Amino acid sequence: MTFRAGDNNKTALVVIRCTPDEKAKAEALANEAGLSLSAFFRKRALGAPVHSKADAAMINELRKMGGLVKHIHNQTDGVNSKETAAVLVELTAAIKRIVEI
C-alpha cells in the first residue's frame, strides 16, 4: 500500500486499555452505527455525532411518510390542509428528535 501526500492518511497509532465488557459494548455500538471500532472512537473522541443505522433508516421512513402526506395534500387540493400541516410538523419534530440523540 502506498501513501500519497494530502490523502489525510491515518498513520498515528493510539492504544487504549479497557475492560473486556467495555470493549464489547464499544464494538456493539460501533457495529450498530455501521462503523469500525477505530472510526467509532475517532468520531466520539472528536465530538462528531454517531448515529445508528436504525436511526438513519427511521429518518428515511419518516421522510417518505412526509412525501406521502404532501402527495395527499396536493391530490386533494388542500381540503385537509390543517390536518396535513399538523402531520408534517409532527414528522419534522420526530426527525429532529432522532438527529439530536
C-alpha atoms as a PDB file:
ATOM      1  CA  MET A   1       0.000   0.000   0.000  1.00  0.00           C
ATOM      2  CA  THR A   2       1.372   3.374  -0.952  1.00  0.00           C
ATOM      3  CA  PHE A   3       0.540   6.617   0.753  1.00  0.00           C
ATOM      4  CA  ARG A   4       0.338   9.919  -1.085  1.00  0.00           C
ATOM      5  CA  ALA A   5       0.728  13.330   0.472  1.00  0.00           C
ATOM      6  CA  GLY A   6      -2.571  15.041   1.126  1.00  0.00           C
ATOM      7  CA  ASP A   7      -4.629  11.861   1.383  1.00  0.00           C
ATOM      8  CA  ASN A   8      -5.264  12.509   5.091  1.00  0.00           C
ATOM      9  CA  ASN A   9      -3.517   9.272   5.971  1.00  0.00           C
ATOM     10  CA  LYS A  10      -4.311   7.866   9.358  1.00  0.00           C
ATOM     11  CA  THR A  11      -0.837   6.750  10.381  1.00  0.00           C
ATOM     12  CA  ALA A  12      -0.727   7.771  14.057  1.00  0.00           C
ATOM     13  CA  LEU A  13      -1.476   4.926  16.438  1.00  0.00           C
ATOM     14  CA  VAL A  14      -3.352   5.333  19.716  1.00  0.00           C
ATOM     15  CA  VAL A  15      -3.534   2.477  22.190  1.00  0.00           C
ATOM     16  CA  ILE A  16      -6.170   2.455  24.889  1.00  0.00           C
ATOM     17  CA  ARG A  17      -6.907  -0.052  27.597  1.00  0.00           C
ATOM     18  CA  CYS A  18     -10.372  -1.047  28.654  1.00  0.00           C
ATOM     19  CA  THR A  19     -12.167  -3.935  30.263  1.00  0.00           C
ATOM     20  CA  PRO A  20     -13.496  -6.759  28.097  1.00  0.00           C
ATOM     21  CA  ASP A  21     -17.026  -5.573  28.876  1.00  0.00           C
ATOM     22  CA  GLU A  22     -16.190  -2.009  27.778  1.00  0.00           C
ATOM     23  CA  LYS A  23     -14.666  -3.327  24.561  1.00  0.00           C
ATOM     24  CA  ALA A  24     -17.716  -5.485  23.858  1.00  0.00           C
ATOM     25  CA  LYS A  25     -20.052  -2.537  24.424  1.00  0.00           C
ATOM     26  CA  ALA A  26     -17.939  -0.241  22.218  1.00  0.00           C
ATOM     27  CA  GLU A  27     -17.870  -2.884  19.467  1.00  0.00           C
ATOM     28  CA  ALA A  28     -21.645  -3.283  19.690  1.00  0.00           C
ATOM     29  CA  LEU A  29     -22.188   0.475  19.448  1.00  0.00           C
ATOM     30  CA  ALA A  30     -19.750   0.750  16.525  1.00  0.00           C
ATOM     31  CA  ASN A  31     -21.482  -2.124  14.755  1.00  0.00           C
ATOM     32  CA  GLU A  32     -24.892  -0.535  15.352  1.00  0.00           C
ATOM     33  CA  ALA A  33     -23.607   2.647  13.722  1.00  0.00           C
ATOM     34  CA  GLY A  34     -22.033   0.735  10.839  1.00  0.00           C
ATOM     35  CA  LEU A  35     -18.536   1.892  11.786  1.00  0.00           C
ATOM     36  CA  SER A  36     -15.249   0.207  12.528  1.00  0.00           C
ATOM     37  CA  LEU A  37     -14.140   0.420  16.143  1.00  0.00           C
ATOM     38  CA  SER A  38     -11.435   2.925  15.133  1.00  0.00           C
ATOM     39  CA  ALA A  39     -13.887   5.155  13.253  1.00  0.00           C
ATOM     40  CA  PHE A  40     -16.327   4.959  16.154  1.00  0.00           C
ATOM     41  CA  PHE A  41     -13.677   6.043  18.699  1.00  0.00           C
ATOM     42  CA  ARG A  42     -12.432   8.837  16.400  1.00  0.00           C
ATOM     43  CA  LYS A  43     -15.922  10.244  15.970  1.00  0.00           C
ATOM     44  CA  ARG A  44     -16.718  10.032  19.680  1.00  0.00           C
ATOM     45  CA  ALA A  45     -13.367  11.499  20.733  1.00  0.00           C
ATOM     46  CA  LEU A  46     -13.645  14.399  18.295  1.00  0.00           C
ATOM     47  CA  GLY A  47     -17.248  15.193  19.201  1.00  0.00           C
ATOM     48  CA  ALA A  48     -18.793  14.129  15.895  1.00  0.00           C
ATOM     49  CA  PRO A  49     -22.288  12.653  16.107  1.00  0.00           C
ATOM     50  CA  VAL A  50     -22.616   8.891  15.902  1.00  0.00           C
ATOM     51  CA  HIS A  51     -25.992   7.617  14.729  1.00  0.00           C
ATOM     52  CA  SER A  52     -27.104   4.042  14.462  1.00  0.00           C
ATOM     53  CA  LYS A  53     -28.108   2.524  11.146  1.00  0.00           C
ATOM     54  CA  ALA A  54     -31.578   2.128  12.653  1.00  0.00           C
ATOM     55  CA  ASP A  55     -31.755   5.912  13.202  1.00  0.00           C
ATOM     56  CA  ALA A  56     -30.875   6.565   9.571  1.00  0.00           C
ATOM     57  CA  ALA A  57     -33.479   4.042   8.414  1.00  0.00           C
ATOM     58  CA  MET A  58     -36.102   5.621  10.668  1.00  0.00           C
ATOM     59  CA  ILE A  59     -35.333   9.101   9.333  1.00  0.00           C
ATOM     60  CA  ASN A  60     -35.681   7.829   5.763  1.00  0.00           C
ATOM     61  CA  GLU A  61     -39.053   6.259   6.571  1.00  0.00           C
ATOM     62  CA  LEU A  62     -40.307   9.438   8.246  1.00  0.00           C
ATOM     63  CA  ARG A  63     -39.242  11.439   5.183  1.00  0.00           C
ATOM     64  CA  LYS A  64     -41.114   9.008   2.935  1.00  0.00           C
ATOM     65  CA  MET A  65     -44.210   9.450   5.090  1.00  0.00           C
ATOM     66  CA  GLY A  66     -43.849  13.214   4.751  1.00  0.00           C
ATOM     67  CA  GLY A  67     -43.705  12.855   0.990  1.00  0.00           C
ATOM     68  CA  LEU A  68     -46.860  10.746   1.022  1.00  0.00           C
ATOM     69  CA  VAL A  69     -48.675  13.287   3.197  1.00  0.00           C
ATOM     70  CA  LYS A  70     -47.607  16.058   0.814  1.00  0.00           C
ATOM     71  CA  HIS A  71     -48.863  13.969  -2.101  1.00  0.00           C
ATOM     72  CA  ILE A  72     -52.241  13.529  -0.374  1.00  0.00           C
ATOM     73  CA  HIS A  73     -52.371  17.260   0.267  1.00  0.00           C
ATOM     74  CA  ASN A  74     -51.696  18.022  -3.398  1.00  0.00           C
ATOM     75  CA  GLN A  75     -54.153  15.384  -4.678  1.00  0.00           C
ATOM     76  CA  THR A  76     -56.984  16.709  -2.527  1.00  0.00           C
ATOM     77  CA  ASP A  77     -56.265  20.349  -3.408  1.00  0.00           C
ATOM     78  CA  GLY A  78     -55.580  21.077   0.255  1.00  0.00           C
ATOM     79  CA  VAL A  79     -59.020  20.038   1.511  1.00  0.00           C
ATOM     80  CA  ASN A  80     -57.474  18.839   4.775  1.00  0.00           C
ATOM     81  CA  SER A  81     -54.644  21.339   4.867  1.00  0.00           C
ATOM     82  CA  LYS A  82     -54.772  21.871   8.644  1.00  0.00           C
ATOM     83  CA  GLU A  83     -54.512  18.143   9.272  1.00  0.00           C
ATOM     84  CA  THR A  84     -51.767  17.527   6.721  1.00  0.00           C
ATOM     85  CA  ALA A  85     -49.812  20.528   8.024  1.00  0.00           C
ATOM     86  CA  ALA A  86     -50.072  19.158  11.569  1.00  0.00           C
ATOM     87  CA  VAL A  87     -48.822  15.744  10.427  1.00  0.00           C
ATOM     88  CA  LEU A  88     -45.877  17.336   8.603  1.00  0.00           C
ATOM     89  CA  VAL A  89     -44.980  19.371  11.695  1.00  0.00           C
ATOM     90  CA  GLU A  90     -45.017  16.200  13.820  1.00  0.00           C
ATOM     91  CA  LEU A  91     -42.903  14.274  11.298  1.00  0.00           C
ATOM     92  CA  THR A  92     -40.368  17.103  11.201  1.00  0.00           C
ATOM     93  CA  ALA A  93     -40.245  17.196  15.009  1.00  0.00           C
ATOM     94  CA  ALA A  94     -39.717  13.423  15.146  1.00  0.00           C
ATOM     95  CA  ILE A  95     -36.801  13.652  12.708  1.00  0.00           C
ATOM     96  CA  LYS A  96     -35.234  16.456  14.752  1.00  0.00           C
ATOM     97  CA  ARG A  97     -35.531  14.395  17.952  1.00  0.00           C
ATOM     98  CA  ILE A  98     -33.741  11.461  16.305  1.00  0.00           C
ATOM     99  CA  VAL A  99     -30.951  13.680  14.956  1.00  0.00           C
ATOM    100  CA  GLU A 100     -30.381  15.300  18.375  1.00  0.00           C
ATOM    101  CA  ILE A 101     -29.829  11.974  20.134  1.00  0.00           C
END
